[in-house]
Amino acid sequence: IANADLIKVGAKLAIPTVDTAKRHIVVAGDTLAKIAKANGCTVADLVSANAIENADLIKVGQLIVFP
């Protein structure tokens, strides 16, 4: 969309969704390494998919989505 304030009638929009089967809510004791290993991906994959600035700092209740 060139102008977010101007959408034409009949325009098709793609609405992104999160597959609820591919997410994890951080609980006490979780690390990205544990989460990655349990779900068959790498820490780097999780950092990238979740725009995590510090791989050593995740918070209880934080939503982690899988690539």
N, C-alpha and C. Protein backbone atom coordinates (compact mmCIF):
# COMPACT_ATOMS: atom_id res chain seq x y z
N ILE A 1 0.86 -1.17 0.00
CA ILE A 1 0.00 0.00 0.00
C ILE A 1 0.90 1.23 0.00
N ALA A 2 0.77 2.02 -1.02
CA ALA A 2 1.59 3.22 -1.14
C ALA A 2 1.20 4.27 -0.12
N ASN A 3 -0.10 4.40 0.15
CA ASN A 3 -0.59 5.41 1.11
C ASN A 3 -1.56 4.71 2.06
N ALA A 4 -1.16 4.56 3.32
CA ALA A 4 -1.98 3.84 4.30
C ALA A 4 -3.30 4.56 4.59
N ASP A 5 -3.41 5.82 4.21
CA ASP A 5 -4.65 6.58 4.42
C ASP A 5 -5.59 6.48 3.22
N LEU A 6 -5.16 5.78 2.18
CA LEU A 6 -5.97 5.70 0.97
C LEU A 6 -5.97 4.26 0.45
N ILE A 7 -7.04 3.54 0.76
CA ILE A 7 -7.19 2.17 0.28
C ILE A 7 -8.37 2.16 -0.67
N LYS A 8 -8.17 1.60 -1.84
CA LYS A 8 -9.21 1.59 -2.86
C LYS A 8 -10.25 0.50 -2.61
N VAL A 9 -11.49 0.76 -2.95
CA VAL A 9 -12.55 -0.23 -2.86
C VAL A 9 -12.16 -1.43 -3.72
N GLY A 10 -12.28 -2.61 -3.16
CA GLY A 10 -11.95 -3.83 -3.89
C GLY A 10 -10.50 -4.25 -3.76
N ALA A 11 -9.67 -3.44 -3.11
CA ALA A 11 -8.27 -3.80 -2.93
C ALA A 11 -8.18 -5.02 -2.03
N LYS A 12 -7.28 -5.91 -2.34
CA LYS A 12 -7.08 -7.10 -1.52
C LYS A 12 -5.98 -6.82 -0.51
N LEU A 13 -6.25 -7.14 0.75
CA LEU A 13 -5.28 -6.92 1.81
C LEU A 13 -4.85 -8.25 2.40
N ALA A 14 -3.57 -8.39 2.64
CA ALA A 14 -3.04 -9.57 3.32
C ALA A 14 -2.93 -9.24 4.80
N ILE A 15 -3.56 -10.04 5.63
CA ILE A 15 -3.53 -9.80 7.07
C ILE A 15 -2.70 -10.90 7.71
N PRO A 16 -1.53 -10.53 8.27
CA PRO A 16 -0.66 -11.55 8.87
C PRO A 16 -1.28 -12.12 10.14
N THR A 17 -1.03 -13.39 10.37
CA THR A 17 -1.52 -14.05 11.57
C THR A 17 -0.38 -14.80 12.23
N VAL A 18 -0.55 -15.11 13.49
CA VAL A 18 0.42 -15.93 14.21
C VAL A 18 -0.22 -17.29 14.43
N ASP A 19 0.45 -18.33 13.98
CA ASP A 19 -0.03 -19.69 14.18
C ASP A 19 0.12 -20.02 15.66
N THR A 20 -1.00 -20.19 16.35
CA THR A 20 -0.94 -20.40 17.80
C THR A 20 -0.22 -21.69 18.17
N ALA A 21 -0.06 -22.61 17.25
CA ALA A 21 0.66 -23.84 17.54
C ALA A 21 2.17 -23.60 17.55
N LYS A 22 2.59 -22.45 17.05
CA LYS A 22 4.02 -22.17 16.93
C LYS A 22 4.41 -20.97 17.78
N ARG A 23 4.04 -21.02 19.05
CA ARG A 23 4.44 -19.95 19.95
C ARG A 23 4.67 -20.51 21.35
N HIS A 24 5.33 -19.73 22.16
CA HIS A 24 5.66 -20.16 23.52
C HIS A 24 5.60 -18.93 24.42
N ILE A 25 4.99 -19.07 25.57
CA ILE A 25 4.99 -18.02 26.57
C ILE A 25 6.09 -18.36 27.58
N VAL A 26 7.02 -17.44 27.77
CA VAL A 26 8.16 -17.67 28.65
C VAL A 26 7.69 -17.84 30.09
N VAL A 27 8.22 -18.88 30.74
CA VAL A 27 7.96 -19.15 32.15
C VAL A 27 9.29 -19.09 32.90
N ALA A 28 9.21 -18.99 34.23
CA ALA A 28 10.42 -18.95 35.05
C ALA A 28 11.31 -20.14 34.73
N GLY A 29 12.59 -19.88 34.55
CA GLY A 29 13.56 -20.93 34.25
C GLY A 29 13.82 -21.14 32.77
N ASP A 30 13.00 -20.55 31.91
CA ASP A 30 13.22 -20.68 30.47
C ASP A 30 14.45 -19.92 30.02
N THR A 31 15.11 -20.45 29.02
CA THR A 31 16.17 -19.74 28.30
C THR A 31 15.87 -19.93 26.82
N LEU A 32 16.42 -19.07 25.99
CA LEU A 32 16.21 -19.25 24.56
C LEU A 32 16.80 -20.58 24.09
N ALA A 33 17.90 -21.00 24.71
CA ALA A 33 18.52 -22.28 24.33
C ALA A 33 17.57 -23.44 24.63
N LYS A 34 16.95 -23.44 25.80
CA LYS A 34 16.01 -24.51 26.15
C LYS A 34 14.80 -24.51 25.22
N ILE A 35 14.28 -23.31 24.95
CA ILE A 35 13.10 -23.19 24.09
C ILE A 35 13.44 -23.66 22.68
N ALA A 36 14.59 -23.23 22.17
CA ALA A 36 15.01 -23.61 20.82
C ALA A 36 15.19 -25.12 20.71
N LYS A 37 15.89 -25.70 21.67
CA LYS A 37 16.16 -27.15 21.64
C LYS A 37 14.86 -27.94 21.67
N ALA A 38 13.91 -27.53 22.50
CA ALA A 38 12.64 -28.25 22.64
C ALA A 38 11.77 -28.13 21.39
N ASN A 39 12.08 -27.14 20.54
CA ASN A 39 11.23 -26.90 19.38
C ASN A 39 11.96 -27.04 18.06
N GLY A 40 13.14 -27.61 18.08
CA GLY A 40 13.85 -27.93 16.84
C GLY A 40 14.33 -26.75 16.04
N CYS A 41 14.72 -25.68 16.73
CA CYS A 41 15.29 -24.54 16.01
C CYS A 41 16.52 -24.06 16.77
N THR A 42 17.10 -22.97 16.32
CA THR A 42 18.29 -22.45 16.97
C THR A 42 17.96 -21.16 17.72
N VAL A 43 18.85 -20.81 18.64
CA VAL A 43 18.70 -19.53 19.34
C VAL A 43 18.71 -18.39 18.33
N ALA A 44 19.58 -18.47 17.34
CA ALA A 44 19.65 -17.43 16.31
C ALA A 44 18.32 -17.29 15.57
N ASP A 45 17.65 -18.42 15.30
CA ASP A 45 16.34 -18.38 14.66
C ASP A 45 15.34 -17.61 15.53
N LEU A 46 15.33 -17.90 16.83
CA LEU A 46 14.39 -17.24 17.74
C LEU A 46 14.69 -15.75 17.88
N VAL A 47 15.98 -15.43 17.98
CA VAL A 47 16.38 -14.02 18.10
C VAL A 47 15.90 -13.26 16.87
N SER A 48 16.10 -13.82 15.71
CA SER A 48 15.69 -13.16 14.47
C SER A 48 14.17 -13.05 14.34
N ALA A 49 13.46 -14.12 14.60
CA ALA A 49 12.01 -14.14 14.43
C ALA A 49 11.29 -13.24 15.43
N ASN A 50 11.95 -12.95 16.55
CA ASN A 50 11.30 -12.17 17.61
C ASN A 50 11.95 -10.81 17.85
N ALA A 51 12.89 -10.44 17.00
CA ALA A 51 13.59 -9.15 17.12
C ALA A 51 14.11 -8.94 18.54
N ILE A 52 14.75 -9.96 19.08
CA ILE A 52 15.29 -9.90 20.44
C ILE A 52 16.66 -9.24 20.38
N GLU A 53 16.83 -8.19 21.17
CA GLU A 53 18.09 -7.45 21.17
C GLU A 53 19.17 -8.14 21.99
N ASN A 54 18.79 -8.79 23.10
CA ASN A 54 19.75 -9.45 23.97
C ASN A 54 19.28 -10.88 24.21
N ALA A 55 19.96 -11.84 23.61
CA ALA A 55 19.56 -13.25 23.71
C ALA A 55 19.65 -13.78 25.13
N ASP A 56 20.33 -13.07 26.01
CA ASP A 56 20.44 -13.50 27.40
C ASP A 56 19.35 -12.91 28.28
N LEU A 57 18.46 -12.12 27.69
CA LEU A 57 17.44 -11.45 28.49
C LEU A 57 16.05 -11.64 27.87
N ILE A 58 15.32 -12.60 28.42
CA ILE A 58 13.91 -12.76 28.08
C ILE A 58 13.13 -12.68 29.38
N LYS A 59 11.86 -12.33 29.29
CA LYS A 59 11.06 -12.07 30.49
C LYS A 59 9.90 -13.05 30.62
N VAL A 60 9.58 -13.41 31.85
CA VAL A 60 8.41 -14.24 32.11
C VAL A 60 7.20 -13.56 31.51
N GLY A 61 6.40 -14.33 30.77
CA GLY A 61 5.21 -13.80 30.12
C GLY A 61 5.45 -13.34 28.69
N GLN A 62 6.71 -13.26 28.28
CA GLN A 62 7.04 -12.82 26.93
C GLN A 62 6.59 -13.87 25.91
N LEU A 63 6.01 -13.42 24.81
CA LEU A 63 5.59 -14.32 23.74
C LEU A 63 6.77 -14.56 22.80
N ILE A 64 7.07 -15.82 22.58
CA ILE A 64 8.11 -16.22 21.61
C ILE A 64 7.41 -16.93 20.47
N VAL A 65 7.61 -16.44 19.25
CA VAL A 65 7.05 -17.12 18.08
C VAL A 65 8.19 -17.84 17.36
N PHE A 66 7.84 -18.93 16.71
CA PHE A 66 8.85 -19.74 16.03
C PHE A 66 8.85 -19.42 14.55
N PRO A 67 10.05 -19.43 13.97
CA PRO A 67 10.16 -19.12 12.54
C PRO A 67 9.52 -20.19 11.67
